[in-house]
PDB file of all heavy atoms in Angstrom:
ATOM      1  N   ASP A   1     -14.221  -6.974  44.090  1.00  0.00           N
ATOM      2  CA  ASP A   1     -13.496  -8.167  44.533  1.00  0.00           C
ATOM      3  C   ASP A   1     -12.019  -7.815  44.667  1.00  0.00           C
ATOM      4  O   ASP A   1     -11.417  -7.315  43.709  1.00  0.00           O
ATOM      5  CB  ASP A   1     -13.643  -9.305  43.512  1.00  0.00           C
ATOM      6  CG  ASP A   1     -15.001  -9.991  43.623  1.00  0.00           C
ATOM      7  OD1 ASP A   1     -15.641  -9.829  44.671  1.00  0.00           O
ATOM      8  OD2 ASP A   1     -15.408 -10.670  42.667  1.00  0.00           O
ATOM      9  N   ILE A   2     -11.453  -8.024  45.838  1.00  0.00           N
ATOM     10  CA  ILE A   2     -10.032  -7.706  46.040  1.00  0.00           C
ATOM     11  C   ILE A   2      -9.260  -8.936  46.515  1.00  0.00           C
ATOM     12  O   ILE A   2      -9.818  -9.840  47.103  1.00  0.00           O
ATOM     13  CB  ILE A   2      -9.823  -6.547  47.041  1.00  0.00           C
ATOM     14  CG1 ILE A   2     -10.273  -6.945  48.458  1.00  0.00           C
ATOM     15  CG2 ILE A   2     -10.515  -5.286  46.599  1.00  0.00           C
ATOM     16  CD1 ILE A   2      -9.721  -6.051  49.538  1.00  0.00           C
ATOM     17  N   GLN A   3      -7.962  -8.918  46.247  1.00  0.00           N
ATOM     18  CA  GLN A   3      -7.049  -9.961  46.712  1.00  0.00           C
ATOM     19  C   GLN A   3      -6.013  -9.274  47.591  1.00  0.00           C
ATOM     20  O   GLN A   3      -5.529  -8.183  47.252  1.00  0.00           O
ATOM     21  CB  GLN A   3      -6.372 -10.638  45.512  1.00  0.00           C
ATOM     22  CG  GLN A   3      -5.708 -11.955  45.850  1.00  0.00           C
ATOM     23  CD  GLN A   3      -5.147 -12.653  44.609  1.00  0.00           C
ATOM     24  OE1 GLN A   3      -5.015 -12.041  43.563  1.00  0.00           O
ATOM     25  NE2 GLN A   3      -4.804 -13.906  44.737  1.00  0.00           N
ATOM     26  N   PHE A   4      -5.672  -9.894  48.718  1.00  0.00           N
ATOM     27  CA  PHE A   4      -4.783  -9.219  49.659  1.00  0.00           C
ATOM     28  C   PHE A   4      -3.885 -10.197  50.416  1.00  0.00           C
ATOM     29  O   PHE A   4      -4.155 -11.389  50.495  1.00  0.00           O
ATOM     30  CB  PHE A   4      -5.602  -8.388  50.665  1.00  0.00           C
ATOM     31  CG  PHE A   4      -6.621  -9.187  51.430  1.00  0.00           C
ATOM     32  CD1 PHE A   4      -6.278  -9.825  52.616  1.00  0.00           C
ATOM     33  CD2 PHE A   4      -7.913  -9.299  50.968  1.00  0.00           C
ATOM     34  CE1 PHE A   4      -7.209 -10.566  53.321  1.00  0.00           C
ATOM     35  CE2 PHE A   4      -8.857 -10.050  51.660  1.00  0.00           C
ATOM     36  CZ  PHE A   4      -8.501 -10.682  52.850  1.00  0.00           C
ATOM     37  N   TYR A   5      -2.793  -9.625  50.954  1.00  0.00           N
ATOM     38  CA  TYR A   5      -1.888 -10.387  51.816  1.00  0.00           C
ATOM     39  C   TYR A   5      -2.340 -10.233  53.266  1.00  0.00           C
ATOM     40  O   TYR A   5      -2.785  -9.151  53.671  1.00  0.00           O
ATOM     41  CB  TYR A   5      -0.457  -9.828  51.746  1.00  0.00           C
ATOM     42  CG  TYR A   5       0.211  -9.887  50.401  1.00  0.00           C
ATOM     43  CD1 TYR A   5       0.454  -8.719  49.683  1.00  0.00           C
ATOM     44  CD2 TYR A   5       0.644 -11.090  49.851  1.00  0.00           C
ATOM     45  CE1 TYR A   5       1.096  -8.746  48.457  1.00  0.00           C
ATOM     46  CE2 TYR A   5       1.288 -11.130  48.625  1.00  0.00           C
ATOM     47  CZ  TYR A   5       1.512  -9.950  47.929  1.00  0.00           C
ATOM     48  OH  TYR A   5       2.146  -9.979  46.715  1.00  0.00           O
ATOM     49  N   LYS A   6      -2.174 -11.296  54.044  1.00  0.00           N
ATOM     50  CA  LYS A   6      -2.333 -11.218  55.501  1.00  0.00           C
ATOM     51  C   LYS A   6      -0.928 -11.343  56.075  1.00  0.00           C
ATOM     52  O   LYS A   6      -0.241 -12.340  55.834  1.00  0.00           O
ATOM     53  CB  LYS A   6      -3.250 -12.325  56.015  1.00  0.00           C
ATOM     54  CG  LYS A   6      -4.697 -12.153  55.590  1.00  0.00           C
ATOM     55  CD  LYS A   6      -5.649 -12.941  56.449  1.00  0.00           C
ATOM     56  CE  LYS A   6      -6.068 -12.150  57.669  1.00  0.00           C
ATOM     57  NZ  LYS A   6      -7.109 -12.811  58.463  1.00  0.00           N
ATOM     58  N   ILE A   7      -0.508 -10.319  56.810  1.00  0.00           N
ATOM     59  CA  ILE A   7       0.870 -10.261  57.311  1.00  0.00           C
ATOM     60  C   ILE A   7       0.866 -10.198  58.829  1.00  0.00           C
ATOM     61  O   ILE A   7       0.254  -9.309  59.429  1.00  0.00           O
ATOM     62  CB  ILE A   7       1.602  -9.021  56.731  1.00  0.00           C
ATOM     63  CG1 ILE A   7       1.570  -9.083  55.200  1.00  0.00           C
ATOM     64  CG2 ILE A   7       3.033  -8.943  57.236  1.00  0.00           C
ATOM     65  CD1 ILE A   7       1.954  -7.784  54.536  1.00  0.00           C
ATOM     66  N   LEU A   8       1.578 -11.134  59.453  1.00  0.00           N
ATOM     67  CA  LEU A   8       1.668 -11.185  60.914  1.00  0.00           C
ATOM     68  C   LEU A   8       2.938 -10.475  61.369  1.00  0.00           C
ATOM     69  O   LEU A   8       4.040 -10.844  60.981  1.00  0.00           O
ATOM     70  CB  LEU A   8       1.686 -12.632  61.390  1.00  0.00           C
ATOM     71  CG  LEU A   8       1.889 -12.833  62.903  1.00  0.00           C
ATOM     72  CD1 LEU A   8       0.706 -12.295  63.700  1.00  0.00           C
ATOM     73  CD2 LEU A   8       2.109 -14.315  63.222  1.00  0.00           C
ATOM     74  N   VAL A   9       2.753  -9.422  62.184  1.00  0.00           N
ATOM     75  CA  VAL A   9       3.878  -8.743  62.835  1.00  0.00           C
ATOM     76  C   VAL A   9       3.947  -9.310  64.245  1.00  0.00           C
ATOM     77  O   VAL A   9       3.180  -8.911  65.131  1.00  0.00           O
ATOM     78  CB  VAL A   9       3.692  -7.207  62.850  1.00  0.00           C
ATOM     79  CG1 VAL A   9       4.899  -6.526  63.494  1.00  0.00           C
ATOM     80  CG2 VAL A   9       3.483  -6.677  61.434  1.00  0.00           C
ATOM     81  N   GLU A  10       4.828 -10.267  64.433  1.00  0.00           N
ATOM     82  CA  GLU A  10       4.856 -11.055  65.673  1.00  0.00           C
ATOM     83  C   GLU A  10       5.126 -10.201  66.909  1.00  0.00           C
ATOM     84  O   GLU A  10       4.484 -10.376  67.940  1.00  0.00           O
ATOM     85  CB  GLU A  10       5.925 -12.146  65.554  1.00  0.00           C
ATOM     86  CG  GLU A  10       5.800 -13.230  66.606  1.00  0.00           C
ATOM     87  CD  GLU A  10       6.788 -14.361  66.405  1.00  0.00           C
ATOM     88  OE1 GLU A  10       7.417 -14.426  65.334  1.00  0.00           O
ATOM     89  OE2 GLU A  10       6.927 -15.172  67.316  1.00  0.00           O
ATOM     90  N   LYS A  11       6.062  -9.275  66.817  1.00  0.00           N
ATOM     91  CA  LYS A  11       6.440  -8.444  67.967  1.00  0.00           C
ATOM     92  C   LYS A  11       5.250  -7.665  68.507  1.00  0.00           C
ATOM     93  O   LYS A  11       5.029  -7.576  69.713  1.00  0.00           O
ATOM     94  CB  LYS A  11       7.575  -7.495  67.549  1.00  0.00           C
ATOM     95  CG  LYS A  11       7.983  -6.462  68.598  1.00  0.00           C
ATOM     96  CD  LYS A  11       8.624  -7.095  69.817  1.00  0.00           C
ATOM     97  CE  LYS A  11       9.050  -6.044  70.834  1.00  0.00           C
ATOM     98  NZ  LYS A  11       9.578  -6.654  72.068  1.00  0.00           N
ATOM     99  N   GLU A  12       4.450  -7.105  67.603  1.00  0.00           N
ATOM    100  CA  GLU A  12       3.298  -6.287  68.003  1.00  0.00           C
ATOM    101  C   GLU A  12       2.001  -7.103  68.110  1.00  0.00           C
ATOM    102  O   GLU A  12       0.953  -6.540  68.429  1.00  0.00           O
ATOM    103  CB  GLU A  12       3.116  -5.135  67.002  1.00  0.00           C
ATOM    104  CG  GLU A  12       4.300  -4.182  66.966  1.00  0.00           C
ATOM    105  CD  GLU A  12       4.099  -3.045  65.987  1.00  0.00           C
ATOM    106  OE1 GLU A  12       2.961  -2.842  65.514  1.00  0.00           O
ATOM    107  OE2 GLU A  12       5.091  -2.353  65.693  1.00  0.00           O
ATOM    108  N   LYS A  13       2.092  -8.408  67.811  1.00  0.00           N
ATOM    109  CA  LYS A  13       0.912  -9.284  67.806  1.00  0.00           C
ATOM    110  C   LYS A  13      -0.209  -8.657  66.972  1.00  0.00           C
ATOM    111  O   LYS A  13      -1.357  -8.536  67.393  1.00  0.00           O
ATOM    112  CB  LYS A  13       0.429  -9.553  69.231  1.00  0.00           C
ATOM    113  CG  LYS A  13       1.423 -10.383  70.044  1.00  0.00           C
ATOM    114  CD  LYS A  13       0.950 -10.622  71.451  1.00  0.00           C
ATOM    115  CE  LYS A  13       1.974 -11.424  72.244  1.00  0.00           C
ATOM    116  NZ  LYS A  13       1.575 -11.611  73.649  1.00  0.00           N
ATOM    117  N   LEU A  14       0.188  -8.291  65.767  1.00  0.00           N
ATOM    118  CA  LEU A  14      -0.704  -7.546  64.863  1.00  0.00           C
ATOM    119  C   LEU A  14      -0.754  -8.245  63.511  1.00  0.00           C
ATOM    120  O   LEU A  14       0.264  -8.687  62.992  1.00  0.00           O
ATOM    121  CB  LEU A  14      -0.163  -6.126  64.698  1.00  0.00           C
ATOM    122  CG  LEU A  14      -0.876  -5.184  63.752  1.00  0.00           C
ATOM    123  CD1 LEU A  14      -2.227  -4.767  64.329  1.00  0.00           C
ATOM    124  CD2 LEU A  14      -0.019  -3.942  63.506  1.00  0.00           C
ATOM    125  N   THR A  15      -1.961  -8.361  62.940  1.00  0.00           N
ATOM    126  CA  THR A  15      -2.118  -8.911  61.598  1.00  0.00           C
ATOM    127  C   THR A  15      -2.546  -7.796  60.655  1.00  0.00           C
ATOM    128  O   THR A  15      -3.586  -7.161  60.853  1.00  0.00           O
ATOM    129  CB  THR A  15      -3.157 -10.054  61.573  1.00  0.00           C
ATOM    130  OG1 THR A  15      -2.718 -11.095  62.456  1.00  0.00           O
ATOM    131  CG2 THR A  15      -3.299 -10.620  60.174  1.00  0.00           C
ATOM    132  N   LEU A  16      -1.731  -7.559  59.639  1.00  0.00           N
ATOM    133  CA  LEU A  16      -2.008  -6.505  58.659  1.00  0.00           C
ATOM    134  C   LEU A  16      -2.689  -7.099  57.431  1.00  0.00           C
ATOM    135  O   LEU A  16      -2.438  -8.243  57.061  1.00  0.00           O
ATOM    136  CB  LEU A  16      -0.713  -5.823  58.221  1.00  0.00           C
ATOM    137  CG  LEU A  16       0.153  -5.197  59.310  1.00  0.00           C
ATOM    138  CD1 LEU A  16       1.487  -4.741  58.728  1.00  0.00           C
ATOM    139  CD2 LEU A  16      -0.558  -4.023  59.974  1.00  0.00           C
ATOM    140  N   THR A  17      -3.551  -6.298  56.800  1.00  0.00           N
ATOM    141  CA  THR A  17      -4.193  -6.683  55.546  1.00  0.00           C
ATOM    142  C   THR A  17      -3.757  -5.688  54.481  1.00  0.00           C
ATOM    143  O   THR A  17      -4.105  -4.508  54.548  1.00  0.00           O
ATOM    144  CB  THR A  17      -5.733  -6.669  55.691  1.00  0.00           C
ATOM    145  OG1 THR A  17      -6.100  -7.588  56.724  1.00  0.00           O
ATOM    146  CG2 THR A  17      -6.416  -7.070  54.411  1.00  0.00           C
ATOM    147  N   VAL A  18      -2.991  -6.171  53.519  1.00  0.00           N
ATOM    148  CA  VAL A  18      -2.446  -5.282  52.469  1.00  0.00           C
ATOM    149  C   VAL A  18      -2.923  -5.769  51.101  1.00  0.00           C
ATOM    150  O   VAL A  18      -2.555  -6.867  50.671  1.00  0.00           O
ATOM    151  CB  VAL A  18      -0.901  -5.245  52.509  1.00  0.00           C
ATOM    152  CG1 VAL A  18      -0.352  -4.341  51.406  1.00  0.00           C
ATOM    153  CG2 VAL A  18      -0.399  -4.782  53.872  1.00  0.00           C
ATOM    154  N   PRO A  19      -3.763  -4.974  50.388  1.00  0.00           N
ATOM    155  CA  PRO A  19      -4.212  -5.381  49.046  1.00  0.00           C
ATOM    156  C   PRO A  19      -3.036  -5.580  48.088  1.00  0.00           C
ATOM    157  O   PRO A  19      -2.017  -4.892  48.197  1.00  0.00           O
ATOM    158  CB  PRO A  19      -5.083  -4.192  48.602  1.00  0.00           C
ATOM    159  CG  PRO A  19      -5.503  -3.531  49.871  1.00  0.00           C
ATOM    160  CD  PRO A  19      -4.360  -3.699  50.810  1.00  0.00           C
ATOM    161  N   ILE A  20      -3.197  -6.502  47.150  1.00  0.00           N
ATOM    162  CA  ILE A  20      -2.134  -6.805  46.182  1.00  0.00           C
ATOM    163  C   ILE A  20      -1.750  -5.564  45.387  1.00  0.00           C
ATOM    164  O   ILE A  20      -0.571  -5.346  45.091  1.00  0.00           O
ATOM    165  CB  ILE A  20      -2.578  -7.929  45.203  1.00  0.00           C
ATOM    166  CG1 ILE A  20      -2.926  -9.208  45.964  1.00  0.00           C
ATOM    167  CG2 ILE A  20      -1.519  -8.199  44.135  1.00  0.00           C
ATOM    168  CD1 ILE A  20      -1.778  -9.904  46.648  1.00  0.00           C
ATOM    169  N   ASN A  21      -2.741  -4.716  45.051  1.00  0.00           N
ATOM    170  CA  ASN A  21      -2.427  -3.530  44.254  1.00  0.00           C
ATOM    171  C   ASN A  21      -1.768  -2.414  45.084  1.00  0.00           C
ATOM    172  O   ASN A  21      -1.489  -1.343  44.568  1.00  0.00           O
ATOM    173  CB  ASN A  21      -3.675  -2.995  43.536  1.00  0.00           C
ATOM    174  CG  ASN A  21      -4.736  -2.463  44.483  1.00  0.00           C
ATOM    175  OD1 ASN A  21      -4.659  -2.665  45.696  1.00  0.00           O
ATOM    176  ND2 ASN A  21      -5.730  -1.798  43.947  1.00  0.00           N
ATOM    177  N   GLN A  22      -1.518  -2.707  46.384  1.00  0.00           N
ATOM    178  CA  GLN A  22      -0.780  -1.762  47.228  1.00  0.00           C
ATOM    179  C   GLN A  22       0.499  -2.401  47.775  1.00  0.00           C
ATOM    180  O   GLN A  22       1.063  -1.940  48.765  1.00  0.00           O
ATOM    181  CB  GLN A  22      -1.667  -1.285  48.385  1.00  0.00           C
ATOM    182  CG  GLN A  22      -2.825  -0.408  47.938  1.00  0.00           C
ATOM    183  CD  GLN A  22      -3.696   0.033  49.090  1.00  0.00           C
ATOM    184  OE1 GLN A  22      -3.261   0.096  50.249  1.00  0.00           O
ATOM    185  NE2 GLN A  22      -4.945   0.342  48.813  1.00  0.00           N
ATOM    186  N   GLN A  23       0.962  -3.462  47.106  1.00  0.00           N
ATOM    187  CA  GLN A  23       2.141  -4.175  47.593  1.00  0.00           C
ATOM    188  C   GLN A  23       3.431  -3.356  47.452  1.00  0.00           C
ATOM    189  O   GLN A  23       4.462  -3.711  48.017  1.00  0.00           O
ATOM    190  CB  GLN A  23       2.294  -5.516  46.872  1.00  0.00           C
ATOM    191  CG  GLN A  23       2.493  -5.424  45.382  1.00  0.00           C
ATOM    192  CD  GLN A  23       2.444  -6.793  44.704  1.00  0.00           C
ATOM    193  OE1 GLN A  23       2.465  -7.829  45.348  1.00  0.00           O
ATOM    194  NE2 GLN A  23       2.366  -6.790  43.386  1.00  0.00           N
ATOM    195  N   SER A  24       3.360  -2.238  46.738  1.00  0.00           N
ATOM    196  CA  SER A  24       4.525  -1.346  46.621  1.00  0.00           C
ATOM    197  C   SER A  24       4.886  -0.725  47.971  1.00  0.00           C
ATOM    198  O   SER A  24       5.997  -0.231  48.156  1.00  0.00           O
ATOM    199  CB  SER A  24       4.264  -0.243  45.596  1.00  0.00           C
ATOM    200  OG  SER A  24       3.122   0.504  45.964  1.00  0.00           O
ATOM    201  N   LYS A  25       3.937  -0.767  48.923  1.00  0.00           N
ATOM    202  CA  LYS A  25       4.203  -0.255  50.276  1.00  0.00           C
ATOM    203  C   LYS A  25       5.130  -1.196  51.056  1.00  0.00           C
ATOM    204  O   LYS A  25       5.704  -0.811  52.067  1.00  0.00           O
ATOM    205  CB  LYS A  25       2.889  -0.076  51.046  1.00  0.00           C
ATOM    206  CG  LYS A  25       2.006   1.045  50.503  1.00  0.00           C
ATOM    207  CD  LYS A  25       0.727   1.154  51.307  1.00  0.00           C
ATOM    208  CE  LYS A  25      -0.158   2.285  50.792  1.00  0.00           C
ATOM    209  NZ  LYS A  25      -1.420   2.380  51.573  1.00  0.00           N
ATOM    210  N   LEU A  26       5.207  -2.433  50.598  1.00  0.00           N
ATOM    211  CA  LEU A  26       6.071  -3.421  51.241  1.00  0.00           C
ATOM    212  C   LEU A  26       7.434  -3.446  50.557  1.00  0.00           C
ATOM    213  O   LEU A  26       7.583  -2.998  49.434  1.00  0.00           O
ATOM    214  CB  LEU A  26       5.441  -4.815  51.145  1.00  0.00           C
ATOM    215  CG  LEU A  26       3.998  -4.970  51.642  1.00  0.00           C
ATOM    216  CD1 LEU A  26       3.474  -6.352  51.256  1.00  0.00           C
ATOM    217  CD2 LEU A  26       3.915  -4.763  53.148  1.00  0.00           C
ATOM    218  N   ARG A  27       8.403  -4.007  51.268  1.00  0.00           N
ATOM    219  CA  ARG A  27       9.705  -4.257  50.629  1.00  0.00           C
ATOM    220  C   ARG A  27      10.253  -5.588  51.142  1.00  0.00           C
ATOM    221  O   ARG A  27       9.919  -6.024  52.259  1.00  0.00           O
ATOM    222  CB  ARG A  27      10.693  -3.118  50.891  1.00  0.00           C
ATOM    223  CG  ARG A  27      11.227  -3.029  52.305  1.00  0.00           C
ATOM    224  CD  ARG A  27      12.478  -2.146  52.349  1.00  0.00           C
ATOM    225  NE  ARG A  27      12.943  -1.912  53.708  1.00  0.00           N
ATOM    226  CZ  ARG A  27      13.698  -2.762  54.391  1.00  0.00           C
ATOM    227  NH1 ARG A  27      14.057  -3.921  53.853  1.00  0.00           N
ATOM    228  NH2 ARG A  27      14.091  -2.474  55.623  1.00  0.00           N
ATOM    229  N   PRO A  28      11.097  -6.251  50.354  1.00  0.00           N
ATOM    230  CA  PRO A  28      11.666  -7.526  50.822  1.00  0.00           C
ATOM    231  C   PRO A  28      12.710  -7.301  51.913  1.00  0.00           C
ATOM    232  O   PRO A  28      13.195  -6.182  52.096  1.00  0.00           O
ATOM    233  CB  PRO A  28      12.308  -8.107  49.553  1.00  0.00           C
ATOM    234  CG  PRO A  28      12.573  -6.921  48.684  1.00  0.00           C
ATOM    235  CD  PRO A  28      11.507  -5.919  48.997  1.00  0.00           C
ATOM    236  N   ILE A  29      13.064  -8.348  52.623  1.00  0.00           N
ATOM    237  CA  ILE A  29      14.112  -8.293  53.644  1.00  0.00           C
ATOM    238  C   ILE A  29      15.442  -7.926  52.973  1.00  0.00           C
ATOM    239  O   ILE A  29      15.739  -8.381  51.873  1.00  0.00           O
ATOM    240  CB  ILE A  29      14.218  -9.659  54.370  1.00  0.00           C
ATOM    241  CG1 ILE A  29      12.950  -9.943  55.176  1.00  0.00           C
ATOM    242  CG2 ILE A  29      15.452  -9.739  55.265  1.00  0.00           C
ATOM    243  CD1 ILE A  29      12.717  -9.045  56.367  1.00  0.00           C
ATOM    244  N   SER A  30      16.245  -7.116  53.657  1.00  0.00           N
ATOM    245  CA  SER A  30      17.530  -6.680  53.108  1.00  0.00           C
ATOM    246  C   SER A  30      18.463  -7.869  52.876  1.00  0.00           C
ATOM    247  O   SER A  30      18.433  -8.847  53.622  1.00  0.00           O
ATOM    248  CB  SER A  30      18.203  -5.694  54.066  1.00  0.00           C
ATOM    249  OG  SER A  30      17.382  -4.572  54.256  1.00  0.00           O
ATOM    250  N   SER A  31      19.281  -7.741  51.846  1.00  0.00           N
ATOM    251  CA  SER A  31      20.257  -8.795  51.545  1.00  0.00           C
ATOM    252  C   SER A  31      21.442  -8.694  52.514  1.00  0.00           C
ATOM    253  O   SER A  31      21.590  -7.697  53.225  1.00  0.00           O
ATOM    254  CB  SER A  31      20.758  -8.633  50.107  1.00  0.00           C
ATOM    255  OG  SER A  31      21.475  -7.413  49.978  1.00  0.00           O
ATOM    256  N   ILE A  32      22.301  -9.702  52.505  1.00  0.00           N
ATOM    257  CA  ILE A  32      23.499  -9.710  53.354  1.00  0.00           C
ATOM    258  C   ILE A  32      24.400  -8.516  53.025  1.00  0.00           C
ATOM    259  O   ILE A  32      24.957  -7.886  53.931  1.00  0.00           O
ATOM    260  CB  ILE A  32      24.274 -11.038  53.176  1.00  0.00           C
ATOM    261  CG1 ILE A  32      23.515 -12.184  53.855  1.00  0.00           C
ATOM    262  CG2 ILE A  32      25.689 -10.944  53.749  1.00  0.00           C
ATOM    263  CD1 ILE A  32      23.496 -12.136  55.376  1.00  0.00           C
ATOM    264  N   ASN A  33      24.523  -8.195  51.741  1.00  0.00           N
ATOM    265  CA  ASN A  33      25.347  -7.041  51.334  1.00  0.00           C
ATOM    266  C   ASN A  33      24.822  -5.739  51.926  1.00  0.00           C
ATOM    267  O   ASN A  33      25.601  -4.894  52.393  1.00  0.00           O
ATOM    268  CB  ASN A  33      25.397  -6.932  49.810  1.00  0.00           C
ATOM    269  CG  ASN A  33      26.232  -8.027  49.171  1.00  0.00           C
ATOM    270  OD1 ASN A  33      27.125  -8.584  49.813  1.00  0.00           O
ATOM    271  ND2 ASN A  33      25.942  -8.350  47.921  1.00  0.00           N
ATOM    272  N   GLN A  34      23.498  -5.571  51.895  1.00  0.00           N
ATOM    273  CA  GLN A  34      22.886  -4.364  52.477  1.00  0.00           C
ATOM    274  C   GLN A  34      23.087  -4.328  53.984  1.00  0.00           C
ATOM    275  O   GLN A  34      23.342  -3.257  54.555  1.00  0.00           O
ATOM    276  CB  GLN A  34      21.394  -4.330  52.133  1.00  0.00           C
ATOM    277  CG  GLN A  34      21.110  -4.057  50.666  1.00  0.00           C
ATOM    278  CD  GLN A  34      19.641  -4.251  50.312  1.00  0.00           C
ATOM    279  OE1 GLN A  34      18.995  -5.213  50.746  1.00  0.00           O
ATOM    280  NE2 GLN A  34      19.100  -3.339  49.525  1.00  0.00           N
ATOM    281  N   ILE A  35      22.963  -5.481  54.634  1.00  0.00           N
ATOM    282  CA  ILE A  35      23.163  -5.571  56.085  1.00  0.00           C
ATOM    283  C   ILE A  35      24.605  -5.211  56.445  1.00  0.00           C
ATOM    284  O   ILE A  35      24.860  -4.472  57.411  1.00  0.00           O
ATOM    285  CB  ILE A  35      22.814  -6.994  56.605  1.00  0.00           C
ATOM    286  CG1 ILE A  35      21.307  -7.247  56.507  1.00  0.00           C
ATOM    287  CG2 ILE A  35      23.310  -7.207  58.030  1.00  0.00           C
ATOM    288  CD1 ILE A  35      20.427  -6.460  57.442  1.00  0.00           C
ATOM    289  N   ASN A  36      25.555  -5.691  55.664  1.00  0.00           N
ATOM    290  CA  ASN A  36      26.977  -5.395  55.913  1.00  0.00           C
ATOM    291  C   ASN A  36      27.277  -3.898  55.785  1.00  0.00           C
ATOM    292  O   ASN A  36      28.081  -3.348  56.539  1.00  0.00           O
ATOM    293  CB  ASN A  36      27.869  -6.194  54.957  1.00  0.00           C
ATOM    294  CG  ASN A  36      27.912  -7.669  55.320  1.00  0.00           C
ATOM    295  OD1 ASN A  36      27.691  -8.048  56.473  1.00  0.00           O
ATOM    296  ND2 ASN A  36      28.185  -8.519  54.337  1.00  0.00           N
ATOM    297  N   LYS A  37      26.629  -3.252  54.825  1.00  0.00           N
ATOM    298  CA  LYS A  37      26.792  -1.796  54.665  1.00  0.00           C
ATOM    299  C   LYS A  37      26.253  -1.063  55.894  1.00  0.00           C
ATOM    300  O   LYS A  37      26.821  -0.058  56.333  1.00  0.00           O
ATOM    301  CB  LYS A  37      26.068  -1.314  53.407  1.00  0.00           C
ATOM    302  CG  LYS A  37      26.797  -1.668  52.122  1.00  0.00           C
ATOM    303  CD  LYS A  37      26.005  -1.204  50.908  1.00  0.00           C
ATOM    304  CE  LYS A  37      26.698  -1.626  49.612  1.00  0.00           C
ATOM    305  NZ  LYS A  37      25.906  -1.237  48.424  1.00  0.00           N
ATOM    306  N   CYS A  38      25.163  -1.577  56.435  1.00  0.00           N
ATOM    307  CA  CYS A  38      24.564  -0.972  57.634  1.00  0.00           C
ATOM    308  C   CYS A  38      25.430  -1.208  58.870  1.00  0.00           C
ATOM    309  O   CYS A  38      25.490  -0.344  59.757  1.00  0.00           O
ATOM    310  CB  CYS A  38      23.166  -1.536  57.863  1.00  0.00           C
ATOM    311  SG  CYS A  38      22.001  -1.039  56.592  1.00  0.00           S
TER     312      CYS A  38
END
């Protein structure tokens, strides 16, 4: 039995399935401070 995220990548019209125990492959959106550095 697994639990997973369904993630929609709108640009590519793609739905990803990522198991909860593999969520380390994901990262949150960058903060404003990180964006300013970029």
